[in-house]
Protein backbone atom coordinates (compact mmCIF):
# COMPACT_ATOMS: atom_id res chain seq x y z
CA MET A 1 -29.27 -2.22 24.05
CA LEU A 2 -27.04 -0.60 21.45
CA GLU A 3 -28.64 0.35 18.14
CA VAL A 4 -26.21 -1.46 15.90
CA LEU A 5 -25.51 -0.90 12.20
CA ARG A 6 -24.05 -3.24 9.61
CA THR A 7 -20.46 -2.58 8.55
CA SER A 8 -21.62 -1.59 5.05
CA GLU A 9 -23.92 1.01 6.58
CA VAL A 10 -21.09 2.47 8.64
CA ILE A 11 -18.85 2.65 5.57
CA ASP A 12 -21.61 4.48 3.67
CA ILE A 13 -21.96 6.96 6.54
CA ILE A 14 -18.22 7.63 6.56
CA ASN A 15 -18.10 8.13 2.79
CA ASN A 16 -21.08 10.50 2.85
CA GLU A 17 -20.12 12.52 5.92
CA PHE A 18 -16.38 13.09 5.67
CA ARG A 19 -14.02 14.44 3.03
CA TYR A 20 -10.32 13.91 3.52
CA ASP A 21 -9.10 14.58 -0.02
CA GLU A 22 -6.79 17.58 0.32
CA ALA A 23 -3.75 17.12 -1.92
CA GLU A 24 -0.27 18.56 -2.28
CA GLU A 25 2.83 18.11 -4.41
CA VAL A 26 6.01 16.76 -2.81
CA GLY A 27 9.53 15.97 -3.96
CA LEU A 28 10.64 12.57 -5.17
CA LEU A 29 12.11 11.30 -1.91
CA GLU A 30 9.22 12.74 0.11
CA SER A 31 6.76 10.85 -2.09
CA LEU A 32 7.85 7.40 -0.87
CA GLY A 33 4.95 5.69 0.89
CA ARG A 34 2.50 8.46 0.00
CA ILE A 35 -0.83 7.94 -1.79
CA VAL A 36 -1.20 9.36 -5.32
CA SER A 37 -4.03 11.93 -5.45
CA ARG A 38 -4.62 11.86 -9.21
CA GLU A 39 -3.52 9.93 -12.26
CA ILE A 40 0.12 10.39 -13.25
CA ILE A 41 0.71 10.31 -17.01
CA SER A 42 4.07 9.84 -18.69
CA PRO A 43 5.25 13.12 -20.27
CA GLU A 44 7.71 11.42 -22.60
CA ASP A 45 8.94 8.13 -24.03
CA LEU A 46 11.16 5.90 -21.93
CA PRO A 47 13.80 5.23 -23.02
CA PRO A 48 13.88 8.54 -24.91
CA PHE A 49 16.01 7.02 -27.69
CA SER A 50 16.71 3.57 -29.09
CA ARG A 51 19.85 2.12 -27.55
CA SER A 52 22.08 -0.92 -27.39
CA THR A 53 21.96 -3.39 -24.51
CA VAL A 54 25.46 -4.73 -25.27
CA ASP A 55 28.87 -3.61 -26.47
CA GLY A 56 28.92 -4.36 -30.17
CA TYR A 57 28.18 -3.25 -33.70
CA ALA A 58 24.89 -1.77 -34.90
CA VAL A 59 23.76 -3.40 -38.13
CA PHE A 60 20.91 -4.14 -40.46
CA ALA A 61 19.99 -7.64 -39.29
CA ALA A 62 19.50 -8.77 -42.90
CA ASP A 63 23.18 -8.06 -43.59
CA THR A 64 24.18 -10.78 -41.12
CA PHE A 65 21.88 -13.57 -42.27
CA GLY A 66 23.83 -16.73 -43.02
CA SER A 67 26.93 -15.59 -41.14
CA SER A 68 29.09 -18.23 -39.47
CA GLU A 69 32.61 -18.67 -38.21
CA ALA A 70 33.46 -20.50 -41.41
CA LEU A 71 31.78 -17.92 -43.64
CA PRO A 72 31.47 -14.58 -41.83
CA SER A 73 29.83 -11.46 -43.18
CA TYR A 74 32.05 -8.45 -43.91
CA LEU A 75 30.73 -5.00 -43.03
CA THR A 76 32.39 -1.61 -43.55
CA ILE A 77 32.88 0.48 -40.41
CA GLN A 78 30.93 3.69 -40.83
CA GLY A 79 31.68 5.28 -37.46
CA GLU A 80 31.41 5.04 -33.69
CA VAL A 81 28.89 6.15 -31.06
CA ARG A 82 30.27 7.63 -27.84
CA MET A 83 28.55 6.98 -24.53
CA GLY A 84 26.38 9.86 -23.38
CA GLU A 85 26.42 11.56 -26.77
CA ALA A 86 23.82 11.77 -29.51
CA THR A 87 24.68 10.54 -32.99
CA ASP A 88 23.51 11.78 -36.38
CA ILE A 89 24.92 8.81 -38.25
CA LYS A 90 22.52 7.22 -40.74
CA LEU A 91 23.54 3.62 -41.14
CA GLU A 92 24.01 2.42 -44.71
CA ARG A 93 23.47 -1.12 -45.95
CA TYR A 94 26.45 -3.45 -45.46
CA HIS A 95 27.97 -0.97 -43.03
CA THR A 96 28.23 -1.00 -39.25
CA VAL A 97 28.72 1.40 -36.32
CA TYR A 98 30.34 0.58 -32.99
CA VAL A 99 27.94 1.18 -30.06
CA PRO A 100 28.73 0.75 -26.31
CA THR A 101 26.17 -0.65 -23.85
CA GLY A 102 23.49 2.01 -23.39
CA GLY A 103 24.71 3.97 -26.39
CA MET A 104 22.35 5.60 -28.85
CA LEU A 105 21.45 3.46 -31.86
CA PRO A 106 22.21 5.10 -35.22
CA GLU A 107 19.29 5.74 -37.52
CA GLY A 108 18.44 2.71 -39.67
CA ALA A 109 20.04 0.06 -37.45
CA ASP A 110 17.62 -2.62 -36.23
CA SER A 111 19.95 -4.81 -34.16
CA VAL A 112 23.38 -5.06 -32.56
CA VAL A 113 25.95 -7.85 -32.91
CA MET A 114 27.76 -8.58 -29.64
CA ILE A 115 31.44 -7.69 -29.86
CA GLU A 116 32.34 -11.30 -28.94
CA TYR A 117 31.08 -12.44 -32.35
CA THR A 118 33.01 -9.87 -34.36
CA GLU A 119 36.58 -9.18 -35.38
CA ARG A 120 37.89 -5.83 -36.55
CA LEU A 121 40.07 -5.94 -39.66
CA GLY A 122 41.18 -2.45 -40.54
CA LYS A 123 38.14 -0.59 -41.87
CA GLU A 124 35.97 -3.71 -41.82
CA VAL A 125 34.35 -5.95 -39.24
CA THR A 126 33.67 -9.64 -39.66
CA VAL A 127 30.44 -11.01 -38.19
CA ALA A 128 30.53 -14.71 -37.26
CA ARG A 129 26.96 -15.01 -36.01
CA PRO A 130 23.68 -13.68 -37.41
CA VAL A 131 21.27 -11.52 -35.42
CA ALA A 132 17.50 -11.10 -35.70
CA PRO A 133 15.76 -7.74 -36.03
CA GLY A 134 15.42 -6.19 -32.56
CA GLU A 135 18.16 -8.31 -31.01
CA ASN A 136 20.28 -6.61 -28.32
CA ILE A 137 18.47 -3.30 -28.54
CA ILE A 138 15.76 -1.39 -26.66
CA SER A 139 13.66 0.82 -28.89
CA ARG A 140 12.44 4.26 -27.94
CA GLY A 141 9.29 3.95 -25.82
CA ASP A 142 9.69 0.20 -25.21
CA ASP A 143 9.39 0.80 -21.45
CA VAL A 144 6.88 3.65 -21.34
CA LYS A 145 5.31 5.72 -24.11
CA ARG A 146 4.33 9.34 -23.82
CA GLY A 147 0.73 9.49 -22.60
CA ASP A 148 0.85 6.10 -20.87
CA LEU A 149 -0.80 5.83 -17.46
CA LEU A 150 1.92 5.39 -14.85
CA PHE A 151 0.00 5.42 -11.57
CA THR A 152 -3.67 5.61 -10.72
CA LYS A 153 -5.25 7.62 -7.95
CA GLY A 154 -4.93 5.64 -4.72
CA HIS A 155 -1.57 4.05 -5.57
CA ARG A 156 1.04 4.02 -2.79
CA ILE A 157 4.45 5.11 -4.06
CA ARG A 158 7.14 2.41 -3.73
CA PRO A 159 10.94 2.73 -4.15
CA GLN A 160 10.78 1.42 -7.73
CA ASP A 161 8.08 3.98 -8.51
CA VAL A 162 10.39 6.77 -7.36
CA GLY A 163 12.93 5.46 -9.89
CA VAL A 164 10.40 5.58 -12.73
CA LEU A 165 9.39 9.12 -11.84
CA ALA A 166 13.04 10.18 -11.75
CA ALA A 167 13.69 8.59 -15.14
CA LEU A 168 10.83 10.62 -16.62
CA GLY A 169 11.87 13.90 -15.01
CA ILE A 170 8.80 14.07 -12.76
CA ILE A 171 10.23 15.78 -9.68
CA LYS A 172 6.94 16.89 -8.10
CA VAL A 173 4.48 14.14 -7.20
CA PRO A 174 0.75 14.77 -6.52
CA VAL A 175 -0.21 13.04 -3.28
CA PHE A 176 -2.86 13.27 -0.58
CA LYS A 177 -1.85 15.21 2.49
CA LYS A 178 -0.96 13.05 5.46
CA LEU A 179 -3.74 12.97 8.02
CA ARG A 180 -3.00 13.83 11.62
CA VAL A 181 -4.65 11.33 13.94
CA GLY A 182 -5.08 12.12 17.62
CA ILE A 183 -5.16 9.07 19.89
CA LEU A 184 -5.96 8.73 23.58
CA SER A 185 -6.90 5.93 25.92
CA THR A 186 -9.48 6.23 28.68
CA GLY A 187 -9.88 4.12 31.78
CA ASP A 188 -9.16 4.28 35.49
CA GLU A 189 -7.52 0.86 35.25
CA LEU A 190 -4.84 1.85 32.69
CA VAL A 191 -1.19 2.63 33.34
CA SER A 192 1.62 3.32 30.87
CA PRO A 193 3.84 0.44 29.62
CA GLY A 194 6.74 1.69 31.74
CA GLU A 195 4.83 1.35 35.01
CA ASN A 196 4.22 -1.69 37.17
CA PRO A 197 0.45 -2.29 37.34
CA GLY A 198 -1.10 -2.38 40.77
CA PRO A 199 -4.05 -4.57 41.75
CA GLY A 200 -6.81 -4.21 39.15
CA GLU A 201 -4.59 -2.22 36.76
CA VAL A 202 -3.29 -3.14 33.30
CA ARG A 203 -0.75 -1.60 30.97
CA ASP A 204 -2.20 0.40 28.08
CA ILE A 205 -1.99 -1.47 24.77
CA ASN A 206 -4.29 0.38 22.41
CA LEU A 207 -2.52 3.73 22.47
CA TYR A 208 0.59 2.14 21.01
CA SER A 209 -0.91 -0.46 18.68
CA LEU A 210 -3.19 2.19 17.17
CA ALA A 211 -0.37 4.71 16.78
CA ALA A 212 1.75 2.05 15.07
CA SER A 213 -1.15 1.24 12.75
CA VAL A 214 -1.52 4.92 11.80
CA VAL A 215 2.18 5.14 10.93
CA LYS A 216 1.99 1.95 8.86
CA ASP A 217 -0.99 3.28 6.92
CA GLY A 218 0.63 6.61 6.11
CA GLY A 219 -0.80 8.93 8.77
CA THR A 220 0.82 10.99 11.50
CA PRO A 221 -0.20 9.91 15.01
CA GLU A 222 -0.42 12.39 17.87
CA VAL A 223 -0.52 10.55 21.20
CA TYR A 224 -2.38 12.19 24.10
CA GLY A 225 -1.78 9.54 26.72
CA ILE A 226 -4.23 8.11 29.24
CA VAL A 227 -7.22 10.07 30.53
CA LYS A 228 -9.19 8.85 33.53
CA ASP A 229 -12.95 8.34 33.32
CA ASP A 230 -13.74 11.94 34.22
CA PHE A 231 -16.06 14.10 32.11
CA LYS A 232 -14.20 17.41 32.46
CA SER A 233 -10.76 15.91 31.90
CA LEU A 234 -11.86 13.94 28.83
CA ARG A 235 -13.69 16.92 27.32
CA LYS A 236 -10.68 19.20 27.77
CA VAL A 237 -8.34 16.75 26.03
CA LEU A 238 -10.84 16.07 23.23
CA SER A 239 -11.19 19.81 22.65
CA ASP A 240 -7.42 20.09 22.20
CA MET A 241 -7.36 17.05 19.90
CA LEU A 242 -10.02 18.53 17.63
CA LEU A 243 -7.95 21.68 17.16
CA ASP A 244 -4.80 19.87 16.05
CA ASN A 245 -5.98 16.71 14.25
CA ASP A 246 -8.02 15.53 11.28
CA ILE A 247 -9.31 12.36 12.98
CA VAL A 248 -9.66 11.47 16.66
CA LEU A 249 -9.49 7.98 18.15
CA ILE A 250 -10.65 7.43 21.72
CA SER A 251 -9.95 3.94 22.96
CA GLY A 252 -12.22 2.64 25.71
CA GLY A 253 -15.32 4.24 27.13
CA SER A 254 -17.64 2.99 24.40
CA SER A 255 -19.22 0.09 26.31
CA VAL A 256 -22.47 0.68 28.13
CA GLY A 257 -21.52 1.53 31.71
CA VAL A 258 -21.88 4.13 34.41
CA ARG A 259 -18.29 5.38 34.20
CA ASP A 260 -18.02 5.38 30.43
CA MET A 261 -18.05 9.03 29.47
CA THR A 262 -17.10 8.95 25.80
CA GLU A 263 -20.56 9.34 24.29
CA ARG A 264 -21.58 12.11 26.67
CA VAL A 265 -18.37 14.00 25.99
CA MET A 266 -18.82 13.66 22.24
CA GLY A 267 -22.34 14.99 22.47
CA SER A 268 -21.33 18.01 24.58
CA PHE A 269 -19.77 19.91 21.67
CA ASP A 270 -21.86 22.39 19.69
CA GLY A 271 -23.04 20.88 16.42
CA SER A 272 -21.91 17.41 17.39
CA ARG A 273 -23.79 14.57 15.67
CA MET A 274 -23.64 10.99 16.84
CA LEU A 275 -23.57 8.87 13.67
CA VAL A 276 -22.88 5.37 14.95
CA HIS A 277 -23.45 3.73 18.30
CA GLY A 278 -22.79 0.07 17.81
CA VAL A 279 -21.74 -2.08 14.86
CA SER A 280 -23.01 -5.56 14.08
CA VAL A 281 -19.57 -7.12 14.03
CA LYS A 282 -17.51 -9.47 16.19
CA PRO A 283 -15.26 -8.30 17.71
CA GLY A 284 -16.04 -4.59 17.99
CA LYS A 285 -19.76 -4.16 18.61
CA PRO A 286 -19.54 -1.22 21.10
CA THR A 287 -18.17 1.30 18.58
CA LEU A 288 -18.97 5.01 18.44
CA LEU A 289 -18.62 7.51 15.62
CA ALA A 290 -19.44 11.20 15.85
CA CYS A 291 -18.99 14.18 13.56
CA ILE A 292 -17.60 17.21 15.42
CA ASP A 293 -16.52 20.28 13.44
CA GLY A 294 -16.57 18.13 10.31
CA LYS A 295 -14.05 15.70 11.78
CA ALA A 296 -14.48 12.00 12.45
CA VAL A 297 -14.30 11.11 16.14
CA PHE A 298 -14.21 7.37 16.80
CA GLY A 299 -14.92 5.73 20.13
CA LEU A 300 -13.13 2.40 19.83
CA PRO A 301 -13.70 -0.59 22.09
CA GLY A 302 -11.25 -0.94 24.93
CA HIS A 303 -10.41 -4.56 24.16
CA PRO A 304 -7.23 -4.58 22.02
CA VAL A 305 -8.40 -7.05 19.36
CA SER A 306 -11.72 -5.22 19.02
CA ALA A 307 -9.99 -1.85 18.74
CA LEU A 308 -7.65 -3.03 15.97
CA THR A 309 -10.46 -4.79 14.13
CA ILE A 310 -12.60 -1.63 14.07
CA TYR A 311 -9.58 0.46 13.13
CA GLY A 312 -8.91 -1.83 10.15
CA LEU A 313 -12.52 -1.75 9.00
CA PHE A 314 -13.25 1.97 9.25
CA VAL A 315 -10.22 4.11 10.12
CA ARG A 316 -7.53 2.59 7.95
CA PRO A 317 -9.40 3.25 4.65
CA ILE A 318 -9.66 6.94 5.58
CA ILE A 319 -6.00 7.33 6.50
CA SER A 320 -4.80 5.45 3.42
CA HIS A 321 -7.15 7.47 1.18
CA GLY A 322 -8.72 4.37 -0.32
CA GLU A 323 -5.35 2.89 -1.30
CA LEU A 324 -5.82 0.46 -4.17
CA ASP A 325 -4.79 -3.18 -3.83
CA SER A 326 -3.58 -2.63 -0.27
CA ASP A 327 -5.05 -5.87 1.07
CA VAL A 328 -3.29 -9.12 0.25
CA TYR A 329 -5.38 -12.28 0.23
CA VAL A 330 -4.51 -15.95 0.00
CA THR A 331 -6.86 -18.88 -0.48
CA ALA A 332 -6.91 -21.59 2.18
CA ARG A 333 -8.97 -24.50 3.43
CA MET A 334 -10.36 -24.57 6.94
CA ALA A 335 -8.45 -27.13 8.99
CA GLU A 336 -11.36 -27.59 11.41
CA ASN A 337 -14.96 -26.58 11.99
CA TYR A 338 -15.71 -23.16 13.47
CA SER A 339 -19.05 -22.16 14.95
CA SER A 340 -20.36 -18.63 14.47
CA ASN A 341 -24.00 -18.43 15.49
CA HIS A 342 -24.27 -14.97 17.07
CA GLY A 343 -25.88 -13.32 14.02
CA ARG A 344 -23.12 -10.74 13.52
CA GLU A 345 -20.47 -10.34 10.87
CA GLU A 346 -17.30 -11.83 12.30
CA TYR A 347 -13.59 -11.46 11.62
CA LEU A 348 -11.82 -14.64 12.62
CA PRO A 349 -8.02 -14.62 13.14
CA VAL A 350 -6.41 -17.68 11.59
CA ARG A 351 -3.01 -19.31 11.53
CA LEU A 352 -1.80 -20.65 8.19
CA GLU A 353 0.16 -23.85 7.58
CA GLU A 354 1.34 -25.12 4.21
CA ASP A 355 -0.11 -28.46 3.14
CA GLY A 356 1.35 -29.48 -0.18
CA ASN A 357 0.26 -26.89 -2.73
CA GLU A 358 -2.28 -25.17 -0.48
CA TYR A 359 -2.73 -23.53 2.89
CA LEU A 360 -4.68 -24.83 5.85
CA ALA A 361 -6.34 -22.20 8.07
CA TYR A 362 -6.53 -22.89 11.82
CA PRO A 363 -8.78 -20.65 13.94
CA VAL A 364 -6.88 -18.71 16.59
CA TYR A 365 -9.08 -18.73 19.65
CA GLY A 366 -9.02 -15.96 22.22
CA GLU A 367 -11.23 -13.30 23.73
CA SER A 368 -11.16 -9.78 22.30
CA GLY A 369 -9.04 -8.63 25.21
CA LEU A 370 -6.19 -11.04 24.41
CA ILE A 371 -3.82 -9.20 22.05
CA THR A 372 -1.57 -12.24 21.52
CA SER A 373 -4.32 -13.87 19.47
CA LEU A 374 -3.36 -11.43 16.71
CA THR A 375 0.38 -12.02 17.04
CA ARG A 376 -0.21 -15.76 16.66
CA ALA A 377 -2.39 -15.25 13.57
CA HIS A 378 -1.27 -14.70 9.96
CA GLY A 379 -4.53 -13.18 8.79
CA VAL A 380 -8.27 -12.93 9.20
CA VAL A 381 -11.31 -14.56 7.58
CA ARG A 382 -14.55 -12.64 7.19
CA ILE A 383 -17.68 -14.59 8.13
CA GLU A 384 -20.90 -13.05 6.88
CA ALA A 385 -23.69 -12.26 9.31
CA GLY A 386 -26.24 -15.05 9.56
CA ARG A 387 -23.82 -17.85 8.73
CA GLU A 388 -23.57 -20.62 11.28
CA GLY A 389 -19.83 -20.91 10.84
CA LEU A 390 -17.21 -22.54 8.64
CA ASN A 391 -16.81 -26.21 7.85
CA ARG A 392 -13.62 -28.21 7.80
CA GLY A 393 -12.31 -28.30 4.21
CA GLN A 394 -14.25 -25.19 3.20
CA VAL A 395 -12.29 -22.80 0.96
CA VAL A 396 -11.90 -19.33 2.48
CA LYS A 397 -10.16 -16.07 1.60
CA VAL A 398 -7.62 -14.97 4.21
CA ARG A 399 -6.68 -11.30 4.38
CA LEU A 400 -3.09 -11.25 5.54
CA TYR A 401 -2.01 -8.94 8.34
């Protein structure tokens, strides 16, 4: 029997045993998709000056009150602002200054009249419509003020974030270093996707689904192919993986069996410590975790659904450096009863259908070796250990894939 641990216990072990917090600074374009390693504070106001949002005339709003087409206000032209240039004009009462869209607002002006509601008459401008204070302008610091928190530690940089950083002149972005993740599959029955399986053979799934997951989560996968269930061969490849990677994923070989060598290979390295041998979760119970040379070495179940479930629970948070708000949840109602009486925490794939203003969640049935159960599902529902299942109509939280 495997000595199983709860998922919370495994997470505590990972947090206490491993440190993957090395940071670096990268350029703006290189920062896209990377995880911020420390708080980023705005070094200046944005916009850096008050400006007009329209082509028109900068005014004191009070000087336009009561204006109409029948009885317009008359303002004396005091000057003009050129696009891309600063202005030292100090607006006087009952005067106006022409300002293009995006142009700097002269000192004293509190609004801009759109050019459509004005008429130039020599050295004067008529205003046929009043404006309120603040109309058609953006004041300095309206977007971001100096000292404002832009991004917290654990935030993944998006394209719009790159734009904000550029606007503020932040050309070096503090991010966590990408983790290199070595991945191999073990099993005498496995062949590569490009081969035709013989009797008793199957194409390898996990090598590719895990590598794709690592890329999606911001890591760099290093694929080592398929290794047969042979102690010397597996140990040699694992030794190479430990030299070149931060984390190692070995798919298969973690079920109790004569030919499963993963645990023995892990334990053959000097200083190796076996931290986890079994997790109280469905799917994914036969999971291994060892610490070798300070690096996390995971033995993932061979079944594809189990492997991806365990990856999502324990590996993904490491690779994404605890990315904040990375999981998206929706609320749904169970469309039917689901029995879960095995005493383990369970992650149930579900398919969502809209029903009026809510979602209905349908269990997607399939054994842990059937990868298409995940492609047919929109998300997963966590069922706590000890619960007998979910009832039809029960409200659940669905973590979307």
